[in-house]
Structure formats: structure tokens, C-alpha cells
Amino acid sequence: MKVSNLDHLGIVAGIIDEMGIEEQINTRIGRSSREKVSAGVIVKAMFLNGLGFVSAPLYMFSKFFEGKPTEHLLGEGITA
């Protein structure tokens, strides 16, 4: 069994999904076949990071998602 800390991020991710922000961004920007992660998912991750790790510099972005259920929050196959 693996336990991950979801905190308030699950609610925020759910609201982002319900509002369709990720799809709107992907529609407007488009998607390249070379991308591993879409622009919409990146913006969603930035929202989540901004609401939980504000005082850290951007190069620590991946550290924020360590220990969090990224596949549940951002999508299948996405890891910290």
C-alpha cells in the first residue's frame, strides 16, 4: 500500500477539471506530437503548485509534487 498526501489539491484539481480550463487551453494552444505533457496539464500543475508551495523558487517545481498522487491530480502516466 502506498499513501499519498492529497490535502486541498484534490478539490482544486476537481474544480479545474469541472471548469474545463485544461481543455480550453489545449484547444487554443494546440498540441504537438512531440509533447509529453499538454499545455493545459502544465497550467493545472502551476495552479496546484501556486496554491501550496508559494515561497519556493520555480526550479523546485518537481519537488512540490514528490509524495503527492500526481497521476490522480494531473493524469495517467504523469509523475513528479
PDB file of N, CA and C in Angstrom:
ATOM      1  N   MET A   1       0.831  -1.157   0.000  1.00  0.00           N
ATOM      2  CA  MET A   1       0.000   0.000   0.000  1.00  0.00           C
ATOM      3  C   MET A   1       0.888   1.237   0.000  1.00  0.00           C
ATOM      4  N   LYS A   2       0.505   2.216  -0.811  1.00  0.00           N
ATOM      5  CA  LYS A   2       1.233   3.470  -0.870  1.00  0.00           C
ATOM      6  C   LYS A   2       0.285   4.595  -0.480  1.00  0.00           C
ATOM      7  N   VAL A   3       0.694   5.415   0.468  1.00  0.00           N
ATOM      8  CA  VAL A   3      -0.127   6.520   0.947  1.00  0.00           C
ATOM      9  C   VAL A   3       0.441   7.822   0.397  1.00  0.00           C
ATOM     10  N   SER A   4      -0.435   8.659  -0.153  1.00  0.00           N
ATOM     11  CA  SER A   4      -0.033   9.969  -0.678  1.00  0.00           C
ATOM     12  C   SER A   4      -0.868  11.048  -0.018  1.00  0.00           C
ATOM     13  N   ASN A   5      -0.261  12.205   0.174  1.00  0.00           N
ATOM     14  CA  ASN A   5      -0.936  13.337   0.799  1.00  0.00           C
ATOM     15  C   ASN A   5      -1.613  14.175  -0.279  1.00  0.00           C
ATOM     16  N   LEU A   6      -2.936  14.255  -0.226  1.00  0.00           N
ATOM     17  CA  LEU A   6      -3.696  14.983  -1.236  1.00  0.00           C
ATOM     18  C   LEU A   6      -4.020  16.409  -0.792  1.00  0.00           C
ATOM     19  N   ASP A   7      -4.165  16.636   0.524  1.00  0.00           N
ATOM     20  CA  ASP A   7      -4.512  17.951   1.079  1.00  0.00           C
ATOM     21  C   ASP A   7      -5.715  18.553   0.341  1.00  0.00           C
ATOM     22  N   HIS A   8      -5.635  19.845   0.068  1.00  0.00           N
ATOM     23  CA  HIS A   8      -6.707  20.560  -0.620  1.00  0.00           C
ATOM     24  C   HIS A   8      -6.571  20.478  -2.138  1.00  0.00           C
ATOM     25  N   LEU A   9      -5.491  19.879  -2.614  1.00  0.00           N
ATOM     26  CA  LEU A   9      -5.208  19.872  -4.050  1.00  0.00           C
ATOM     27  C   LEU A   9      -6.222  19.076  -4.850  1.00  0.00           C
ATOM     28  N   GLY A  10      -6.818  18.060  -4.232  1.00  0.00           N
ATOM     29  CA  GLY A  10      -7.839  17.274  -4.926  1.00  0.00           C
ATOM     30  C   GLY A  10      -9.065  18.112  -5.257  1.00  0.00           C
ATOM     31  N   ILE A  11      -9.457  18.966  -4.326  1.00  0.00           N
ATOM     32  CA  ILE A  11     -10.604  19.854  -4.565  1.00  0.00           C
ATOM     33  C   ILE A  11     -10.276  20.846  -5.677  1.00  0.00           C
ATOM     34  N   VAL A  12      -9.098  21.429  -5.617  1.00  0.00           N
ATOM     35  CA  VAL A  12      -8.688  22.407  -6.630  1.00  0.00           C
ATOM     36  C   VAL A  12      -8.603  21.746  -8.002  1.00  0.00           C
ATOM     37  N   ALA A  13      -7.995  20.557  -8.084  1.00  0.00           N
ATOM     38  CA  ALA A  13      -7.894  19.844  -9.354  1.00  0.00           C
ATOM     39  C   ALA A  13      -9.277  19.505  -9.895  1.00  0.00           C
ATOM     40  N   GLY A  14     -10.187  19.119  -9.011  1.00  0.00           N
ATOM     41  CA  GLY A  14     -11.551  18.811  -9.430  1.00  0.00           C
ATOM     42  C   GLY A  14     -12.275  20.024  -9.988  1.00  0.00           C
ATOM     43  N   ILE A  15     -12.080  21.174  -9.366  1.00  0.00           N
ATOM     44  CA  ILE A  15     -12.707  22.412  -9.842  1.00  0.00           C
ATOM     45  C   ILE A  15     -12.125  22.805 -11.200  1.00  0.00           C
ATOM     46  N   ILE A  16     -10.816  22.667 -11.352  1.00  0.00           N
ATOM     47  CA  ILE A  16     -10.176  22.964 -12.639  1.00  0.00           C
ATOM     48  C   ILE A  16     -10.743  22.050 -13.721  1.00  0.00           C
ATOM     49  N   ASP A  17     -10.915  20.772 -13.405  1.00  0.00           N
ATOM     50  CA  ASP A  17     -11.488  19.820 -14.365  1.00  0.00           C
ATOM     51  C   ASP A  17     -12.936  20.175 -14.692  1.00  0.00           C
ATOM     52  N   GLU A  18     -13.698  20.525 -13.663  1.00  0.00           N
ATOM     53  CA  GLU A  18     -15.112  20.850 -13.855  1.00  0.00           C
ATOM     54  C   GLU A  18     -15.289  22.099 -14.710  1.00  0.00           C
ATOM     55  N   MET A  19     -14.412  23.063 -14.527  1.00  0.00           N
ATOM     56  CA  MET A  19     -14.486  24.295 -15.317  1.00  0.00           C
ATOM     57  C   MET A  19     -13.988  24.091 -16.744  1.00  0.00           C
ATOM     58  N   GLY A  20     -13.233  23.035 -16.993  1.00  0.00           N
ATOM     59  CA  GLY A  20     -12.727  22.755 -18.334  1.00  0.00           C
ATOM     60  C   GLY A  20     -11.552  23.616 -18.739  1.00  0.00           C
ATOM     61  N   ILE A  21     -10.812  24.114 -17.771  1.00  0.00           N
ATOM     62  CA  ILE A  21      -9.690  25.012 -18.067  1.00  0.00           C
ATOM     63  C   ILE A  21      -8.625  24.301 -18.899  1.00  0.00           C
ATOM     64  N   GLU A  22      -8.311  23.079 -18.524  1.00  0.00           N
ATOM     65  CA  GLU A  22      -7.275  22.324 -19.237  1.00  0.00           C
ATOM     66  C   GLU A  22      -7.650  22.143 -20.713  1.00  0.00           C
ATOM     67  N   GLU A  23      -8.892  21.775 -20.989  1.00  0.00           N
ATOM     68  CA  GLU A  23      -9.336  21.566 -22.371  1.00  0.00           C
ATOM     69  C   GLU A  23      -9.347  22.872 -23.157  1.00  0.00           C
ATOM     70  N   GLN A  24      -9.762  23.966 -22.510  1.00  0.00           N
ATOM     71  CA  GLN A  24      -9.781  25.263 -23.189  1.00  0.00           C
ATOM     72  C   GLN A  24      -8.379  25.687 -23.603  1.00  0.00           C
ATOM     73  N   ILE A  25      -7.423  25.500 -22.721  1.00  0.00           N
ATOM     74  CA  ILE A  25      -6.034  25.856 -23.039  1.00  0.00           C
ATOM     75  C   ILE A  25      -5.513  24.980 -24.164  1.00  0.00           C
ATOM     76  N   ASN A  26      -5.759  23.678 -24.081  1.00  0.00           N
ATOM     77  CA  ASN A  26      -5.293  22.769 -25.131  1.00  0.00           C
ATOM     78  C   ASN A  26      -5.932  23.085 -26.479  1.00  0.00           C
ATOM     79  N   THR A  27      -7.185  23.505 -26.479  1.00  0.00           N
ATOM     80  CA  THR A  27      -7.868  23.856 -27.722  1.00  0.00           C
ATOM     81  C   THR A  27      -7.259  25.103 -28.340  1.00  0.00           C
ATOM     82  N   ARG A  28      -6.994  26.091 -27.515  1.00  0.00           N
ATOM     83  CA  ARG A  28      -6.470  27.360 -28.036  1.00  0.00           C
ATOM     84  C   ARG A  28      -5.003  27.266 -28.449  1.00  0.00           C
ATOM     85  N   ILE A  29      -4.205  26.542 -27.693  1.00  0.00           N
ATOM     86  CA  ILE A  29      -2.773  26.457 -27.988  1.00  0.00           C
ATOM     87  C   ILE A  29      -2.475  25.365 -29.002  1.00  0.00           C
ATOM     88  N   GLY A  30      -3.223  24.273 -28.933  1.00  0.00           N
ATOM     89  CA  GLY A  30      -2.962  23.145 -29.812  1.00  0.00           C
ATOM     90  C   GLY A  30      -2.029  22.159 -29.135  1.00  0.00           C
ATOM     91  N   ARG A  31      -1.753  21.075 -29.841  1.00  0.00           N
ATOM     92  CA  ARG A  31      -0.920  20.024 -29.263  1.00  0.00           C
ATOM     93  C   ARG A  31       0.041  19.510 -30.319  1.00  0.00           C
ATOM     94  N   SER A  32       1.297  19.377 -29.961  1.00  0.00           N
ATOM     95  CA  SER A  32       2.317  18.838 -30.853  1.00  0.00           C
ATOM     96  C   SER A  32       2.516  17.356 -30.545  1.00  0.00           C
ATOM     97  N   SER A  33       2.874  16.592 -31.547  1.00  0.00           N
ATOM     98  CA  SER A  33       3.103  15.156 -31.337  1.00  0.00           C
ATOM     99  C   SER A  33       4.349  14.902 -30.496  1.00  0.00           C
ATOM    100  N   ARG A  34       5.230  15.901 -30.372  1.00  0.00           N
ATOM    101  CA  ARG A  34       6.453  15.744 -29.587  1.00  0.00           C
ATOM    102  C   ARG A  34       6.252  16.016 -28.099  1.00  0.00           C
ATOM    103  N   GLU A  35       5.104  16.582 -27.728  1.00  0.00           N
ATOM    104  CA  GLU A  35       4.845  16.911 -26.328  1.00  0.00           C
ATOM    105  C   GLU A  35       4.602  15.654 -25.505  1.00  0.00           C
ATOM    106  N   LYS A  36       5.169  15.620 -24.313  1.00  0.00           N
ATOM    107  CA  LYS A  36       4.880  14.548 -23.371  1.00  0.00           C
ATOM    108  C   LYS A  36       3.703  14.927 -22.492  1.00  0.00           C
ATOM    109  N   VAL A  37       3.582  16.224 -22.199  1.00  0.00           N
ATOM    110  CA  VAL A  37       2.511  16.749 -21.360  1.00  0.00           C
ATOM    111  C   VAL A  37       1.931  17.971 -22.059  1.00  0.00           C
ATOM    112  N   SER A  38       0.610  18.085 -22.084  1.00  0.00           N
ATOM    113  CA  SER A  38      -0.032  19.206 -22.780  1.00  0.00           C
ATOM    114  C   SER A  38       0.115  20.505 -21.983  1.00  0.00           C
ATOM    115  N   ALA A  39      -0.097  21.602 -22.665  1.00  0.00           N
ATOM    116  CA  ALA A  39      -0.018  22.919 -22.021  1.00  0.00           C
ATOM    117  C   ALA A  39      -1.087  23.060 -20.940  1.00  0.00           C
ATOM    118  N   GLY A  40      -2.254  22.476 -21.165  1.00  0.00           N
ATOM    119  CA  GLY A  40      -3.323  22.534 -20.173  1.00  0.00           C
ATOM    120  C   GLY A  40      -2.940  21.854 -18.872  1.00  0.00           C
ATOM    121  N   VAL A  41      -2.270  20.714 -18.967  1.00  0.00           N
ATOM    122  CA  VAL A  41      -1.824  19.993 -17.767  1.00  0.00           C
ATOM    123  C   VAL A  41      -0.748  20.796 -17.048  1.00  0.00           C
ATOM    124  N   ILE A  42       0.117  21.445 -17.803  1.00  0.00           N
ATOM    125  CA  ILE A  42       1.175  22.261 -17.189  1.00  0.00           C
ATOM    126  C   ILE A  42       0.567  23.437 -16.419  1.00  0.00           C
ATOM    127  N   VAL A  43      -0.431  24.088 -17.008  1.00  0.00           N
ATOM    128  CA  VAL A  43      -1.080  25.209 -16.318  1.00  0.00           C
ATOM    129  C   VAL A  43      -1.801  24.700 -15.071  1.00  0.00           C
ATOM    130  N   LYS A  44      -2.433  23.542 -15.163  1.00  0.00           N
ATOM    131  CA  LYS A  44      -3.095  22.945 -13.994  1.00  0.00           C
ATOM    132  C   LYS A  44      -2.075  22.677 -12.891  1.00  0.00           C
ATOM    133  N   ALA A  45      -0.923  22.146 -13.254  1.00  0.00           N
ATOM    134  CA  ALA A  45       0.139  21.883 -12.276  1.00  0.00           C
ATOM    135  C   ALA A  45       0.644  23.187 -11.665  1.00  0.00           C
ATOM    136  N   MET A  46       0.710  24.252 -12.468  1.00  0.00           N
ATOM    137  CA  MET A  46       1.150  25.544 -11.946  1.00  0.00           C
ATOM    138  C   MET A  46       0.139  26.105 -10.949  1.00  0.00           C
ATOM    139  N   PHE A  47      -1.156  25.942 -11.226  1.00  0.00           N
ATOM    140  CA  PHE A  47      -2.188  26.348 -10.258  1.00  0.00           C
ATOM    141  C   PHE A  47      -2.005  25.608  -8.945  1.00  0.00           C
ATOM    142  N   LEU A  48      -1.855  24.294  -9.035  1.00  0.00           N
ATOM    143  CA  LEU A  48      -1.714  23.477  -7.830  1.00  0.00           C
ATOM    144  C   LEU A  48      -0.456  23.853  -7.056  1.00  0.00           C
ATOM    145  N   ASN A  49       0.632  24.081  -7.769  1.00  0.00           N
ATOM    146  CA  ASN A  49       1.888  24.477  -7.131  1.00  0.00           C
ATOM    147  C   ASN A  49       1.745  25.838  -6.464  1.00  0.00           C
ATOM    148  N   GLY A  50       1.089  26.760  -7.137  1.00  0.00           N
ATOM    149  CA  GLY A  50       0.924  28.104  -6.594  1.00  0.00           C
ATOM    150  C   GLY A  50       0.078  28.144  -5.337  1.00  0.00           C
ATOM    151  N   LEU A  51      -0.802  27.165  -5.187  1.00  0.00           N
ATOM    152  CA  LEU A  51      -1.666  27.140  -4.011  1.00  0.00           C
ATOM    153  C   LEU A  51      -1.072  26.339  -2.862  1.00  0.00           C
ATOM    154  N   GLY A  52       0.126  25.806  -3.048  1.00  0.00           N
ATOM    155  CA  GLY A  52       0.667  25.000  -1.978  1.00  0.00           C
ATOM    156  C   GLY A  52       2.144  25.161  -1.695  1.00  0.00           C
ATOM    157  N   PHE A  53       2.866  25.892  -2.525  1.00  0.00           N
ATOM    158  CA  PHE A  53       4.320  25.946  -2.386  1.00  0.00           C
ATOM    159  C   PHE A  53       4.815  27.314  -2.837  1.00  0.00           C
ATOM    160  N   VAL A  54       4.130  28.355  -2.448  1.00  0.00           N
ATOM    161  CA  VAL A  54       4.309  29.690  -2.998  1.00  0.00           C
ATOM    162  C   VAL A  54       5.707  30.260  -2.789  1.00  0.00           C
ATOM    163  N   SER A  55       6.317  30.006  -1.644  1.00  0.00           N
ATOM    164  CA  SER A  55       7.574  30.679  -1.335  1.00  0.00           C
ATOM    165  C   SER A  55       8.809  30.028  -1.967  1.00  0.00           C
ATOM    166  N   ALA A  56       8.648  28.916  -2.652  1.00  0.00           N
ATOM    167  CA  ALA A  56       9.797  28.219  -3.246  1.00  0.00           C
ATOM    168  C   ALA A  56      10.047  28.696  -4.678  1.00  0.00           C
ATOM    169  N   PRO A  57      11.299  28.702  -5.118  1.00  0.00           N
ATOM    170  CA  PRO A  57      11.613  29.086  -6.491  1.00  0.00           C
ATOM    171  C   PRO A  57      11.111  28.046  -7.497  1.00  0.00           C
ATOM    172  N   LEU A  58      10.977  28.468  -8.754  1.00  0.00           N
ATOM    173  CA  LEU A  58      10.421  27.583  -9.782  1.00  0.00           C
ATOM    174  C   LEU A  58      11.261  26.332 -10.043  1.00  0.00           C
ATOM    175  N   TYR A  59      12.564  26.383  -9.823  1.00  0.00           N
ATOM    176  CA  TYR A  59      13.366  25.188 -10.071  1.00  0.00           C
ATOM    177  C   TYR A  59      13.048  24.082  -9.076  1.00  0.00           C
ATOM    178  N   MET A  60      12.290  24.380  -8.024  1.00  0.00           N
ATOM    179  CA  MET A  60      11.864  23.377  -7.051  1.00  0.00           C
ATOM    180  C   MET A  60      10.488  22.804  -7.403  1.00  0.00           C
ATOM    181  N   PHE A  61       9.983  23.132  -8.589  1.00  0.00           N
ATOM    182  CA  PHE A  61       8.636  22.743  -9.015  1.00  0.00           C
ATOM    183  C   PHE A  61       8.394  21.241  -8.867  1.00  0.00           C
ATOM    184  N   SER A  62       9.316  20.413  -9.317  1.00  0.00           N
ATOM    185  CA  SER A  62       9.115  18.962  -9.240  1.00  0.00           C
ATOM    186  C   SER A  62       9.141  18.464  -7.797  1.00  0.00           C
ATOM    187  N   LYS A  63       9.861  19.142  -6.919  1.00  0.00           N
ATOM    188  CA  LYS A  63       9.914  18.746  -5.501  1.00  0.00           C
ATOM    189  C   LYS A  63       8.541  18.855  -4.855  1.00  0.00           C
ATOM    190  N   PHE A  64       7.743  19.844  -5.289  1.00  0.00           N
ATOM    191  CA  PHE A  64       6.411  20.034  -4.736  1.00  0.00           C
ATOM    192  C   PHE A  64       5.547  18.793  -4.939  1.00  0.00           C
ATOM    193  N   PHE A  65       5.682  18.147  -6.084  1.00  0.00           N
ATOM    194  CA  PHE A  65       4.827  17.016  -6.421  1.00  0.00           C
ATOM    195  C   PHE A  65       5.335  15.682  -5.886  1.00  0.00           C
ATOM    196  N   GLU A  66       6.527  15.657  -5.284  1.00  0.00           N
ATOM    197  CA  GLU A  66       7.009  14.415  -4.677  1.00  0.00           C
ATOM    198  C   GLU A  66       6.140  14.081  -3.474  1.00  0.00           C
ATOM    199  N   GLY A  67       5.668  12.844  -3.414  1.00  0.00           N
ATOM    200  CA  GLY A  67       4.811  12.414  -2.317  1.00  0.00           C
ATOM    201  C   GLY A  67       3.345  12.737  -2.519  1.00  0.00           C
ATOM    202  N   LYS A  68       3.016  13.341  -3.662  1.00  0.00           N
ATOM    203  CA  LYS A  68       1.626  13.652  -3.976  1.00  0.00           C
ATOM    204  C   LYS A  68       1.156  12.722  -5.100  1.00  0.00           C
ATOM    205  N   PRO A  69      -0.109  12.391  -5.132  1.00  0.00           N
ATOM    206  CA  PRO A  69      -0.625  11.482  -6.171  1.00  0.00           C
ATOM    207  C   PRO A  69      -0.777  12.204  -7.509  1.00  0.00           C
ATOM    208  N   THR A  70       0.322  12.418  -8.208  1.00  0.00           N
ATOM    209  CA  THR A  70       0.299  13.203  -9.443  1.00  0.00           C
ATOM    210  C   THR A  70      -0.568  12.570 -10.528  1.00  0.00           C
ATOM    211  N   GLU A  71      -0.588  11.252 -10.598  1.00  0.00           N
ATOM    212  CA  GLU A  71      -1.434  10.616 -11.607  1.00  0.00           C
ATOM    213  C   GLU A  71      -2.903  10.892 -11.314  1.00  0.00           C
ATOM    214  N   HIS A  72      -3.264  10.975 -10.070  1.00  0.00           N
ATOM    215  CA  HIS A  72      -4.645  11.277  -9.702  1.00  0.00           C
ATOM    216  C   HIS A  72      -4.964  12.743  -9.950  1.00  0.00           C
ATOM    217  N   LEU A  73      -4.016  13.628  -9.668  1.00  0.00           N
ATOM    218  CA  LEU A  73      -4.249  15.061  -9.811  1.00  0.00           C
ATOM    219  C   LEU A  73      -4.128  15.537 -11.255  1.00  0.00           C
ATOM    220  N   LEU A  74      -3.138  15.052 -11.993  1.00  0.00           N
ATOM    221  CA  LEU A  74      -2.821  15.604 -13.307  1.00  0.00           C
ATOM    222  C   LEU A  74      -3.125  14.675 -14.479  1.00  0.00           C
ATOM    223  N   GLY A  75      -3.126  13.366 -14.239  1.00  0.00           N
ATOM    224  CA  GLY A  75      -3.436  12.442 -15.324  1.00  0.00           C
ATOM    225  C   GLY A  75      -2.540  11.224 -15.330  1.00  0.00           C
ATOM    226  N   GLU A  76      -2.989  10.215 -16.010  1.00  0.00           N
ATOM    227  CA  GLU A  76      -2.295   8.930 -16.081  1.00  0.00           C
ATOM    228  C   GLU A  76      -0.889   9.079 -16.673  1.00  0.00           C
ATOM    229  N   GLY A  77       0.077   8.500 -16.017  1.00  0.00           N
ATOM    230  CA  GLY A  77       1.450   8.481 -16.500  1.00  0.00           C
ATOM    231  C   GLY A  77       2.270   9.707 -16.141  1.00  0.00           C
ATOM    232  N   ILE A  78       1.706  10.662 -15.438  1.00  0.00           N
ATOM    233  CA  ILE A  78       2.438  11.874 -15.070  1.00  0.00           C
ATOM    234  C   ILE A  78       2.995  11.689 -13.664  1.00  0.00           C
ATOM    235  N   THR A  79       4.311  11.843 -13.538  1.00  0.00           N
ATOM    236  CA  THR A  79       4.977  11.675 -12.246  1.00  0.00           C
ATOM    237  C   THR A  79       5.726  12.954 -11.900  1.00  0.00           C
ATOM    238  N   ALA A  80       6.157  13.021 -10.642  1.00  0.00           N
ATOM    239  CA  ALA A  80       6.904  14.208 -10.207  1.00  0.00           C
ATOM    240  C   ALA A  80       8.211  14.310 -10.962  1.00  0.00           C
TER     241      ALA A  80
END
